[in-house]
Structures are given as structure tokens and as C-alpha cells.
Amino acid sequence: MGLVLGLMVGSLVIVFDGVYSLVSLLLTLLSLAASRYIQTPSAGRFPFGKAMIEPIVIVVKASVILAIVSYSLYSAVTAMFSGGREVNASIATIFGIINVLGCSYAWWYIARKSKQFSSGLINAETKQWQMDTLLSLAVTVGFVVAWAMTLTPYAELNVYADPAMMILMSFYFIKVPYDMLKEAVRELLMMSPSKEIIQKVDQTIQAVDNELDQHLELAGVTKVGQELRVDVDLRTEDKHLPIADVKKARQTLQKRLSNVPLDLQLNLNIAS
């Protein structure tokens, strides 16, 4: 609807809204397909699990959204320097109101579900629909302002309202997918997760270290999709270490780190 109506009334913002909504739907289907595939068993082909698929999908989603925003920004800047665009503000406003209602409901529904099921894909969907809702709201408010301008002595500036809105929105819309892309690339490169996760893991290991005879040391921590991969060194000066002590250390760490809302993959290494 947005794509067709935007082309009919000659509005960059509505065309962008329509294209973004259409791409959002396709990307949502991609997320659903990836989520289902991740849950299917295939230990033979993926001996270390499928957690890497999640950040790959988010990279695709963020890259596509960035490409759309960048092209729309270019078109808006070009329109600003070529005399603006004449748009039927009344039709655009009605369409904007319908869009705000539909997108805000989708955003609310997915955000509510994301509280029950923690997932990077669901969080990406929430941000995606949040952007769609804010875009539709900005379009509606912008066209109301554009219509109001026709009743003032500045009516001739009305043609610049559409590209100006597109330029202003682009600055916000570039930031959100950029942050999504940056975080997903960090996971693909196995870089350190957020400071909050590192601090929580480090505090847990220190607490367990105070309870054991052996010394525990955090060797590394990464987050990939919904997996939290933690490497811990169990340091001892004894030549012989009872297996029971190793099991106790591992079970205690597993129990304490289970408070982190991620799938824990714990590696306990014995180091002298």
C-alpha cells in the first residue's frame, strides 16, 4: 500500500515507508526460518551448534535496512536541491494514521513476547518494528505540519516538507541498524560481549573461587547468538587433583552462571 500510494502521490517518505515495511516483512520471514532451523537437530553438520546463524541473520537484516536508508537519504538530498516535491498531504495523513495503528500493534505484541523468550532475533524484530512505527508516526506528523503550512504565508515551502522529513528521519534510522550490525559482527568475530555480561560472569567466578580450595580464573568469555561461552582456568599447584574436586567446581560454576539468561557453554580447563 505504501509503495503504490507513495508513487501515486509522489512522496519520498511514503515510498520509503512502503519499501521498508515490505522488506521488514521479508526479513521477519527470514528470522522465522532461521529460528526454526536453529531448533532442528543436526549435530553431524554443526558439531558446535548453530548459534552462529543468529548473528548472520542479524547482519543481513541490518545491512539491507542500512542500504534502504542510505538510498532514501540520497534521493531526499537530491530532491531538496531540485525544487522539492509536491505531495497531497491529506491522503498521506490518512495513510500515515493507518500505518501507525498497524505498526504500533505489531511492535507492542512482539515486544511483549520478547519478555517471555530471550533471543537476539526477537530483539532485532522489536527494534525493526519500533523503527517502522516511529517512521509512520513521523510521516503522519510531518504531513499534518505540511498541510498546516499551506494555510500560512509560507505555503511555497510546502514542497520541501517531504524530502526534509526524509533527511531528518534518516539520521535516526541509520543509527539503529548500524548498532545492530556492529553488535552482530562482534559476535561473529568472537569478540568480548557487553561489559555488563563480563562483569556478571567475573563476579560469579570470584564468588565461587572463594568457596573452593583451588583457584579459579576467567580465561575468556564470548556471546554468540543465545550462547554464552565461558572458559575458566582451574589453577592448582598439586600434582594430583581429585576428580571429585573438578566435578564440584564445574557443578558450582554451572549452577551460579545459570542465572545469566543465555545458553551456557562452560569449558573448565585445569592449569598448573
C-alpha atoms as a PDB file:
ATOM      1  CA  MET A   1       0.000   0.000   0.000  1.00  0.00           C
ATOM      2  CA  GLY A   2       2.732   2.427   0.974  1.00  0.00           C
ATOM      3  CA  LEU A   3       4.823   1.735  -2.117  1.00  0.00           C
ATOM      4  CA  VAL A   4       1.880   2.140  -4.524  1.00  0.00           C
ATOM      5  CA  LEU A   5       0.419   5.204  -2.776  1.00  0.00           C
ATOM      6  CA  GLY A   6       3.841   6.831  -2.432  1.00  0.00           C
ATOM      7  CA  LEU A   7       4.461   6.523  -6.174  1.00  0.00           C
ATOM      8  CA  MET A   8       0.957   7.871  -6.909  1.00  0.00           C
ATOM      9  CA  VAL A   9       1.273  10.986  -4.741  1.00  0.00           C
ATOM     10  CA  GLY A  10       4.999  11.445  -5.403  1.00  0.00           C
ATOM     11  CA  SER A  11       6.166  11.188  -1.788  1.00  0.00           C
ATOM     12  CA  LEU A  12       9.685  10.010  -0.977  1.00  0.00           C
ATOM     13  CA  VAL A  13       8.759   9.374   2.654  1.00  0.00           C
ATOM     14  CA  ILE A  14       5.743   7.197   1.852  1.00  0.00           C
ATOM     15  CA  VAL A  15       7.692   5.246  -0.760  1.00  0.00           C
ATOM     16  CA  PHE A  16      10.441   4.685   1.804  1.00  0.00           C
ATOM     17  CA  ASP A  17       7.849   3.658   4.402  1.00  0.00           C
ATOM     18  CA  GLY A  18       6.309   1.180   1.949  1.00  0.00           C
ATOM     19  CA  VAL A  19       9.634  -0.299   0.857  1.00  0.00           C
ATOM     20  CA  TYR A  20      10.823  -0.509   4.455  1.00  0.00           C
ATOM     21  CA  SER A  21       7.616  -2.277   5.534  1.00  0.00           C
ATOM     22  CA  LEU A  22       7.845  -4.743   2.650  1.00  0.00           C
ATOM     23  CA  VAL A  23      11.500  -5.507   3.361  1.00  0.00           C
ATOM     24  CA  SER A  24      10.666  -5.776   7.082  1.00  0.00           C
ATOM     25  CA  LEU A  25       8.135  -8.483   6.292  1.00  0.00           C
ATOM     26  CA  LEU A  26      10.651 -10.416   4.181  1.00  0.00           C
ATOM     27  CA  LEU A  27      13.287 -10.064   6.904  1.00  0.00           C
ATOM     28  CA  THR A  28      10.782 -11.249   9.519  1.00  0.00           C
ATOM     29  CA  LEU A  29      10.159 -14.376   7.436  1.00  0.00           C
ATOM     30  CA  LEU A  30      13.935 -14.837   7.262  1.00  0.00           C
ATOM     31  CA  SER A  31      14.131 -14.610  11.069  1.00  0.00           C
ATOM     32  CA  LEU A  32      11.360 -17.171  11.478  1.00  0.00           C
ATOM     33  CA  ALA A  33      13.048 -19.564   9.053  1.00  0.00           C
ATOM     34  CA  ALA A  34      16.401 -19.151  10.824  1.00  0.00           C
ATOM     35  CA  SER A  35      14.806 -19.641  14.244  1.00  0.00           C
ATOM     36  CA  ARG A  36      13.135 -22.879  13.151  1.00  0.00           C
ATOM     37  CA  TYR A  37      16.330 -24.136  11.524  1.00  0.00           C
ATOM     38  CA  ILE A  38      18.378 -23.401  14.655  1.00  0.00           C
ATOM     39  CA  GLN A  39      15.995 -25.566  16.708  1.00  0.00           C
ATOM     40  CA  THR A  40      16.254 -28.613  14.418  1.00  0.00           C
ATOM     41  CA  PRO A  41      18.827 -31.245  15.482  1.00  0.00           C
ATOM     42  CA  SER A  42      21.859 -31.615  13.221  1.00  0.00           C
ATOM     43  CA  ALA A  43      24.846 -32.467  15.412  1.00  0.00           C
ATOM     44  CA  GLY A  44      26.619 -34.096  12.482  1.00  0.00           C
ATOM     45  CA  ARG A  45      26.746 -30.968  10.326  1.00  0.00           C
ATOM     46  CA  PHE A  46      27.077 -28.493  13.203  1.00  0.00           C
ATOM     47  CA  PRO A  47      29.142 -30.174  15.947  1.00  0.00           C
ATOM     48  CA  PHE A  48      29.473 -26.864  17.817  1.00  0.00           C
ATOM     49  CA  GLY A  49      25.824 -25.856  17.430  1.00  0.00           C
ATOM     50  CA  LYS A  50      24.024 -23.338  15.230  1.00  0.00           C
ATOM     51  CA  ALA A  51      24.349 -20.257  17.424  1.00  0.00           C
ATOM     52  CA  MET A  52      26.379 -18.509  14.697  1.00  0.00           C
ATOM     53  CA  ILE A  53      23.321 -18.454  12.396  1.00  0.00           C
ATOM     54  CA  GLU A  54      21.578 -15.852  14.571  1.00  0.00           C
ATOM     55  CA  PRO A  55      24.176 -13.054  14.211  1.00  0.00           C
ATOM     56  CA  ILE A  56      24.496 -13.882  10.485  1.00  0.00           C
ATOM     57  CA  VAL A  57      20.760 -13.251  10.016  1.00  0.00           C
ATOM     58  CA  ILE A  58      21.000 -10.007  12.005  1.00  0.00           C
ATOM     59  CA  VAL A  59      23.921  -8.867   9.796  1.00  0.00           C
ATOM     60  CA  VAL A  60      21.753  -9.460   6.704  1.00  0.00           C
ATOM     61  CA  LYS A  61      18.783  -7.608   8.232  1.00  0.00           C
ATOM     62  CA  ALA A  62      20.851  -4.612   9.357  1.00  0.00           C
ATOM     63  CA  SER A  63      22.750  -4.391   6.048  1.00  0.00           C
ATOM     64  CA  VAL A  64      19.553  -4.378   3.978  1.00  0.00           C
ATOM     65  CA  ILE A  65      17.953  -1.709   6.195  1.00  0.00           C
ATOM     66  CA  LEU A  66      21.117   0.425   6.003  1.00  0.00           C
ATOM     67  CA  ALA A  67      21.107   0.168   2.199  1.00  0.00           C
ATOM     68  CA  ILE A  68      17.452   1.281   2.020  1.00  0.00           C
ATOM     69  CA  VAL A  69      18.011   4.217   4.371  1.00  0.00           C
ATOM     70  CA  SER A  70      21.162   5.318   2.542  1.00  0.00           C
ATOM     71  CA  TYR A  71      19.449   5.326  -0.854  1.00  0.00           C
ATOM     72  CA  SER A  72      16.419   7.176   0.537  1.00  0.00           C
ATOM     73  CA  LEU A  73      18.696   9.779   2.099  1.00  0.00           C
ATOM     74  CA  TYR A  74      20.435  10.286  -1.237  1.00  0.00           C
ATOM     75  CA  SER A  75      17.064  10.708  -3.010  1.00  0.00           C
ATOM     76  CA  ALA A  76      15.872  13.206  -0.385  1.00  0.00           C
ATOM     77  CA  VAL A  77      19.020  15.344  -0.641  1.00  0.00           C
ATOM     78  CA  THR A  78      18.714  15.325  -4.439  1.00  0.00           C
ATOM     79  CA  ALA A  79      15.047  16.424  -4.182  1.00  0.00           C
ATOM     80  CA  MET A  80      15.940  19.261  -1.788  1.00  0.00           C
ATOM     81  CA  PHE A  81      18.333  20.750  -4.328  1.00  0.00           C
ATOM     82  CA  SER A  82      15.992  20.283  -7.296  1.00  0.00           C
ATOM     83  CA  GLY A  83      12.968  22.254  -6.111  1.00  0.00           C
ATOM     84  CA  GLY A  84      11.343  19.864  -3.652  1.00  0.00           C
ATOM     85  CA  ARG A  85       8.287  17.636  -4.184  1.00  0.00           C
ATOM     86  CA  GLU A  86       4.595  18.471  -4.298  1.00  0.00           C
ATOM     87  CA  VAL A  87       2.606  15.973  -2.173  1.00  0.00           C
ATOM     88  CA  ASN A  88      -1.113  15.572  -1.397  1.00  0.00           C
ATOM     89  CA  ALA A  89      -0.870  15.961   2.373  1.00  0.00           C
ATOM     90  CA  SER A  90      -4.455  14.901   3.165  1.00  0.00           C
ATOM     91  CA  ILE A  91      -4.159  11.447   1.527  1.00  0.00           C
ATOM     92  CA  ALA A  92      -0.705  10.966   3.038  1.00  0.00           C
ATOM     93  CA  THR A  93      -2.004  11.812   6.525  1.00  0.00           C
ATOM     94  CA  ILE A  94      -4.830   9.242   6.336  1.00  0.00           C
ATOM     95  CA  PHE A  95      -2.389   6.581   5.181  1.00  0.00           C
ATOM     96  CA  GLY A  96       0.010   7.538   7.963  1.00  0.00           C
ATOM     97  CA  ILE A  97      -2.640   7.082  10.660  1.00  0.00           C
ATOM     98  CA  ILE A  98      -3.486   3.579   9.380  1.00  0.00           C
ATOM     99  CA  ASN A  99       0.201   2.706   9.357  1.00  0.00           C
ATOM    100  CA  VAL A 100       0.803   3.983  12.886  1.00  0.00           C
ATOM    101  CA  LEU A 101      -2.024   1.844  14.272  1.00  0.00           C
ATOM    102  CA  GLY A 102      -0.883  -1.325  12.471  1.00  0.00           C
ATOM    103  CA  CYS A 103       2.846  -0.973  13.145  1.00  0.00           C
ATOM    104  CA  SER A 104       2.437   0.064  16.785  1.00  0.00           C
ATOM    105  CA  TYR A 105       0.315  -3.033  17.434  1.00  0.00           C
ATOM    106  CA  ALA A 106       2.988  -5.276  15.863  1.00  0.00           C
ATOM    107  CA  TRP A 107       5.711  -3.532  17.882  1.00  0.00           C
ATOM    108  CA  TRP A 108       3.740  -3.908  21.139  1.00  0.00           C
ATOM    109  CA  TYR A 109       2.931  -7.570  20.501  1.00  0.00           C
ATOM    110  CA  ILE A 110       6.500  -8.610  19.624  1.00  0.00           C
ATOM    111  CA  ALA A 111       7.990  -6.546  22.484  1.00  0.00           C
ATOM    112  CA  ARG A 112       5.609  -8.261  24.920  1.00  0.00           C
ATOM    113  CA  LYS A 113       6.608 -11.701  23.627  1.00  0.00           C
ATOM    114  CA  SER A 114      10.308 -10.804  23.818  1.00  0.00           C
ATOM    115  CA  LYS A 115       9.974 -10.587  27.615  1.00  0.00           C
ATOM    116  CA  GLN A 116       8.986 -14.275  27.672  1.00  0.00           C
ATOM    117  CA  PHE A 117      11.544 -15.538  25.128  1.00  0.00           C
ATOM    118  CA  SER A 118      15.022 -14.008  25.179  1.00  0.00           C
ATOM    119  CA  SER A 119      16.512 -14.049  21.681  1.00  0.00           C
ATOM    120  CA  GLY A 120      18.693 -11.817  19.548  1.00  0.00           C
ATOM    121  CA  LEU A 121      16.354 -12.416  16.611  1.00  0.00           C
ATOM    122  CA  ILE A 122      13.312 -11.316  18.613  1.00  0.00           C
ATOM    123  CA  ASN A 123      15.168  -8.247  19.894  1.00  0.00           C
ATOM    124  CA  ALA A 124      16.106  -7.380  16.306  1.00  0.00           C
ATOM    125  CA  GLU A 125      12.450  -7.782  15.289  1.00  0.00           C
ATOM    126  CA  THR A 126      11.369  -5.494  18.129  1.00  0.00           C
ATOM    127  CA  LYS A 127      13.798  -2.780  17.008  1.00  0.00           C
ATOM    128  CA  GLN A 128      12.748  -3.272  13.404  1.00  0.00           C
ATOM    129  CA  TRP A 129       9.048  -2.749  14.163  1.00  0.00           C
ATOM    130  CA  GLN A 130       9.875   0.094  16.545  1.00  0.00           C
ATOM    131  CA  MET A 131      11.621   1.855  13.668  1.00  0.00           C
ATOM    132  CA  ASP A 132       8.639   1.159  11.397  1.00  0.00           C
ATOM    133  CA  THR A 133       6.225   2.612  13.976  1.00  0.00           C
ATOM    134  CA  LEU A 134       8.332   5.724  14.547  1.00  0.00           C
ATOM    135  CA  LEU A 135       8.689   6.185  10.794  1.00  0.00           C
ATOM    136  CA  SER A 136       4.925   6.018  10.292  1.00  0.00           C
ATOM    137  CA  LEU A 137       4.360   8.418  13.188  1.00  0.00           C
ATOM    138  CA  ALA A 138       6.928  10.865  11.831  1.00  0.00           C
ATOM    139  CA  VAL A 139       5.333  10.675   8.380  1.00  0.00           C
ATOM    140  CA  THR A 140       1.882  11.427   9.810  1.00  0.00           C
ATOM    141  CA  VAL A 141       3.046  14.339  11.964  1.00  0.00           C
ATOM    142  CA  GLY A 142       5.141  15.686   9.102  1.00  0.00           C
ATOM    143  CA  PHE A 143       2.250  15.744   6.660  1.00  0.00           C
ATOM    144  CA  VAL A 144      -0.033  17.385   9.220  1.00  0.00           C
ATOM    145  CA  VAL A 145       2.600  20.115   9.563  1.00  0.00           C
ATOM    146  CA  ALA A 146       2.919  20.313   5.768  1.00  0.00           C
ATOM    147  CA  TRP A 147      -0.849  20.723   5.415  1.00  0.00           C
ATOM    148  CA  ALA A 148      -0.839  23.432   8.114  1.00  0.00           C
ATOM    149  CA  MET A 149       1.883  25.285   6.193  1.00  0.00           C
ATOM    150  CA  THR A 150      -0.465  25.661   3.206  1.00  0.00           C
ATOM    151  CA  LEU A 151      -2.647  27.878   5.396  1.00  0.00           C
ATOM    152  CA  THR A 152       0.232  30.244   6.189  1.00  0.00           C
ATOM    153  CA  PRO A 153       2.267  32.766   4.175  1.00  0.00           C
ATOM    154  CA  TYR A 154       4.964  30.064   3.881  1.00  0.00           C
ATOM    155  CA  ALA A 155       2.849  27.817   1.645  1.00  0.00           C
ATOM    156  CA  GLU A 156       5.502  27.844  -1.109  1.00  0.00           C
ATOM    157  CA  LEU A 157       7.869  25.970   1.237  1.00  0.00           C
ATOM    158  CA  ASN A 158       5.428  23.059   1.405  1.00  0.00           C
ATOM    159  CA  VAL A 159       7.267  21.277  -1.431  1.00  0.00           C
ATOM    160  CA  TYR A 160      10.330  20.874   0.797  1.00  0.00           C
ATOM    161  CA  ALA A 161       8.441  19.162   3.637  1.00  0.00           C
ATOM    162  CA  ASP A 162       8.642  15.639   2.173  1.00  0.00           C
ATOM    163  CA  PRO A 163      12.416  15.495   1.439  1.00  0.00           C
ATOM    164  CA  ALA A 164      13.185  17.388   4.670  1.00  0.00           C
ATOM    165  CA  MET A 165      11.312  14.752   6.710  1.00  0.00           C
ATOM    166  CA  MET A 166      13.211  12.006   4.916  1.00  0.00           C
ATOM    167  CA  ILE A 167      16.569  13.622   5.695  1.00  0.00           C
ATOM    168  CA  LEU A 168      15.736  14.131   9.377  1.00  0.00           C
ATOM    169  CA  MET A 169      14.484  10.567   9.821  1.00  0.00           C
ATOM    170  CA  SER A 170      17.495   9.093   8.054  1.00  0.00           C
ATOM    171  CA  PHE A 171      19.854  10.189  10.821  1.00  0.00           C
ATOM    172  CA  TYR A 172      17.907   8.118  13.366  1.00  0.00           C
ATOM    173  CA  PHE A 173      17.261   5.218  11.006  1.00  0.00           C
ATOM    174  CA  ILE A 174      20.944   4.870  10.169  1.00  0.00           C
ATOM    175  CA  LYS A 175      21.962   4.617  13.837  1.00  0.00           C
ATOM    176  CA  VAL A 176      19.687   1.715  14.833  1.00  0.00           C
ATOM    177  CA  PRO A 177      20.670  -0.780  12.083  1.00  0.00           C
ATOM    178  CA  TYR A 178      24.303   0.343  12.426  1.00  0.00           C
ATOM    179  CA  ASP A 179      24.257  -0.614  16.119  1.00  0.00           C
ATOM    180  CA  MET A 180      22.596  -3.951  15.250  1.00  0.00           C
ATOM    181  CA  LEU A 181      25.228  -4.614  12.581  1.00  0.00           C
ATOM    182  CA  LYS A 182      28.123  -3.701  14.853  1.00  0.00           C
ATOM    183  CA  GLU A 183      26.927  -5.992  17.666  1.00  0.00           C
ATOM    184  CA  ALA A 184      26.301  -8.924  15.300  1.00  0.00           C
ATOM    185  CA  VAL A 185      29.750  -8.554  13.693  1.00  0.00           C
ATOM    186  CA  ARG A 186      31.332  -8.544  17.167  1.00  0.00           C
ATOM    187  CA  GLU A 187      29.639 -11.880  17.857  1.00  0.00           C
ATOM    188  CA  LEU A 188      30.763 -13.344  14.533  1.00  0.00           C
ATOM    189  CA  LEU A 189      34.348 -12.303  15.281  1.00  0.00           C
ATOM    190  CA  MET A 190      34.064 -13.855  18.775  1.00  0.00           C
ATOM    191  CA  MET A 191      34.857 -10.530  20.434  1.00  0.00           C
ATOM    192  CA  SER A 192      34.101  -9.700  24.064  1.00  0.00           C
ATOM    193  CA  PRO A 193      30.392  -9.233  24.904  1.00  0.00           C
ATOM    194  CA  SER A 194      28.939  -6.250  26.757  1.00  0.00           C
ATOM    195  CA  LYS A 195      30.614  -5.011  29.935  1.00  0.00           C
ATOM    196  CA  GLU A 196      27.506  -5.995  31.887  1.00  0.00           C
ATOM    197  CA  ILE A 197      27.830  -9.669  30.898  1.00  0.00           C
ATOM    198  CA  ILE A 198      31.596  -9.744  31.540  1.00  0.00           C
ATOM    199  CA  GLN A 199      31.159  -8.145  34.957  1.00  0.00           C
ATOM    200  CA  LYS A 200      28.405 -10.573  35.947  1.00  0.00           C
ATOM    201  CA  VAL A 201      30.449 -13.614  34.867  1.00  0.00           C
ATOM    202  CA  ASP A 202      33.604 -12.323  36.575  1.00  0.00           C
ATOM    203  CA  GLN A 203      31.781 -11.639  39.859  1.00  0.00           C
ATOM    204  CA  THR A 204      30.245 -15.127  39.794  1.00  0.00           C
ATOM    205  CA  ILE A 205      33.615 -16.791  39.244  1.00  0.00           C
ATOM    206  CA  GLN A 206      35.193 -14.769  42.054  1.00  0.00           C
ATOM    207  CA  ALA A 207      32.384 -15.807  44.410  1.00  0.00           C
ATOM    208  CA  VAL A 208      32.863 -19.492  43.535  1.00  0.00           C
ATOM    209  CA  ASP A 209      36.647 -19.095  43.848  1.00  0.00           C
ATOM    210  CA  ASN A 210      36.223 -18.039  47.493  1.00  0.00           C
ATOM    211  CA  GLU A 211      34.343 -21.279  48.224  1.00  0.00           C
ATOM    212  CA  LEU A 212      36.888 -23.713  46.718  1.00  0.00           C
ATOM    213  CA  ASP A 213      40.361 -24.827  47.677  1.00  0.00           C
ATOM    214  CA  GLN A 214      41.581 -24.337  44.107  1.00  0.00           C
ATOM    215  CA  HIS A 215      41.981 -21.000  42.379  1.00  0.00           C
ATOM    216  CA  LEU A 216      39.591 -20.151  39.517  1.00  0.00           C
ATOM    217  CA  GLU A 217      40.492 -17.625  36.832  1.00  0.00           C
ATOM    218  CA  LEU A 218      38.366 -16.328  33.953  1.00  0.00           C
ATOM    219  CA  ALA A 219      40.223 -17.131  30.722  1.00  0.00           C
ATOM    220  CA  GLY A 220      37.683 -15.850  28.201  1.00  0.00           C
ATOM    221  CA  VAL A 221      34.015 -15.095  27.604  1.00  0.00           C
ATOM    222  CA  THR A 222      32.114 -14.569  24.361  1.00  0.00           C
ATOM    223  CA  LYS A 223      28.474 -14.355  23.345  1.00  0.00           C
ATOM    224  CA  VAL A 224      27.274 -15.860  20.062  1.00  0.00           C
ATOM    225  CA  GLY A 225      23.561 -15.669  19.430  1.00  0.00           C
ATOM    226  CA  GLN A 226      21.911 -17.114  22.526  1.00  0.00           C
ATOM    227  CA  GLU A 227      25.033 -18.939  23.646  1.00  0.00           C
ATOM    228  CA  LEU A 228      27.339 -17.658  26.370  1.00  0.00           C
ATOM    229  CA  ARG A 229      30.717 -19.349  26.017  1.00  0.00           C
ATOM    230  CA  VAL A 230      32.842 -19.171  29.168  1.00  0.00           C
ATOM    231  CA  ASP A 231      36.375 -20.509  29.552  1.00  0.00           C
ATOM    232  CA  VAL A 232      37.618 -20.881  33.141  1.00  0.00           C
ATOM    233  CA  ASP A 233      41.077 -21.986  34.282  1.00  0.00           C
ATOM    234  CA  LEU A 234      41.238 -24.108  37.439  1.00  0.00           C
ATOM    235  CA  ARG A 235      44.737 -23.494  38.754  1.00  0.00           C
ATOM    236  CA  THR A 236      46.406 -25.855  41.219  1.00  0.00           C
ATOM    237  CA  GLU A 237      49.916 -26.474  42.494  1.00  0.00           C
ATOM    238  CA  ASP A 238      49.178 -30.103  43.375  1.00  0.00           C
ATOM    239  CA  LYS A 239      50.472 -32.829  41.075  1.00  0.00           C
ATOM    240  CA  HIS A 240      47.332 -34.849  41.683  1.00  0.00           C
ATOM    241  CA  LEU A 241      43.859 -33.296  41.616  1.00  0.00           C
ATOM    242  CA  PRO A 242      40.867 -35.438  42.707  1.00  0.00           C
ATOM    243  CA  ILE A 243      38.178 -35.780  40.048  1.00  0.00           C
ATOM    244  CA  ALA A 244      35.585 -35.019  42.723  1.00  0.00           C
ATOM    245  CA  ASP A 245      37.087 -31.534  43.180  1.00  0.00           C
ATOM    246  CA  VAL A 246      36.924 -30.870  39.456  1.00  0.00           C
ATOM    247  CA  LYS A 247      33.302 -32.029  39.307  1.00  0.00           C
ATOM    248  CA  LYS A 248      32.393 -29.883  42.291  1.00  0.00           C
ATOM    249  CA  ALA A 249      33.987 -26.802  40.719  1.00  0.00           C
ATOM    250  CA  ARG A 250      32.198 -27.390  37.428  1.00  0.00           C
ATOM    251  CA  GLN A 251      28.787 -28.038  39.011  1.00  0.00           C
ATOM    252  CA  THR A 252      29.074 -24.949  41.213  1.00  0.00           C
ATOM    253  CA  LEU A 253      30.048 -22.754  38.261  1.00  0.00           C
ATOM    254  CA  GLN A 254      27.263 -24.228  36.117  1.00  0.00           C
ATOM    255  CA  LYS A 255      24.680 -23.547  38.822  1.00  0.00           C
ATOM    256  CA  ARG A 256      25.801 -19.973  39.542  1.00  0.00           C
ATOM    257  CA  LEU A 257      26.223 -18.950  35.887  1.00  0.00           C
ATOM    258  CA  SER A 258      22.777 -20.308  35.011  1.00  0.00           C
ATOM    259  CA  ASN A 259      21.396 -17.007  36.333  1.00  0.00           C
ATOM    260  CA  VAL A 260      22.576 -15.356  33.120  1.00  0.00           C
ATOM    261  CA  PRO A 261      19.606 -15.570  30.650  1.00  0.00           C
ATOM    262  CA  LEU A 262      21.656 -17.316  27.939  1.00  0.00           C
ATOM    263  CA  ASP A 263      22.553 -20.908  26.999  1.00  0.00           C
ATOM    264  CA  LEU A 264      25.747 -21.541  28.946  1.00  0.00           C
ATOM    265  CA  GLN A 265      28.633 -23.373  27.281  1.00  0.00           C
ATOM    266  CA  LEU A 266      31.226 -23.838  30.061  1.00  0.00           C
ATOM    267  CA  ASN A 267      34.798 -25.027  29.451  1.00  0.00           C
ATOM    268  CA  LEU A 268      36.780 -25.784  32.608  1.00  0.00           C
ATOM    269  CA  ASN A 269      40.495 -26.120  31.965  1.00  0.00           C
ATOM    270  CA  ILE A 270      42.991 -27.496  34.508  1.00  0.00           C
ATOM    271  CA  ALA A 271      46.139 -25.363  34.586  1.00  0.00           C
ATOM    272  CA  SER A 272      49.177 -25.758  36.794  1.00  0.00           C
END
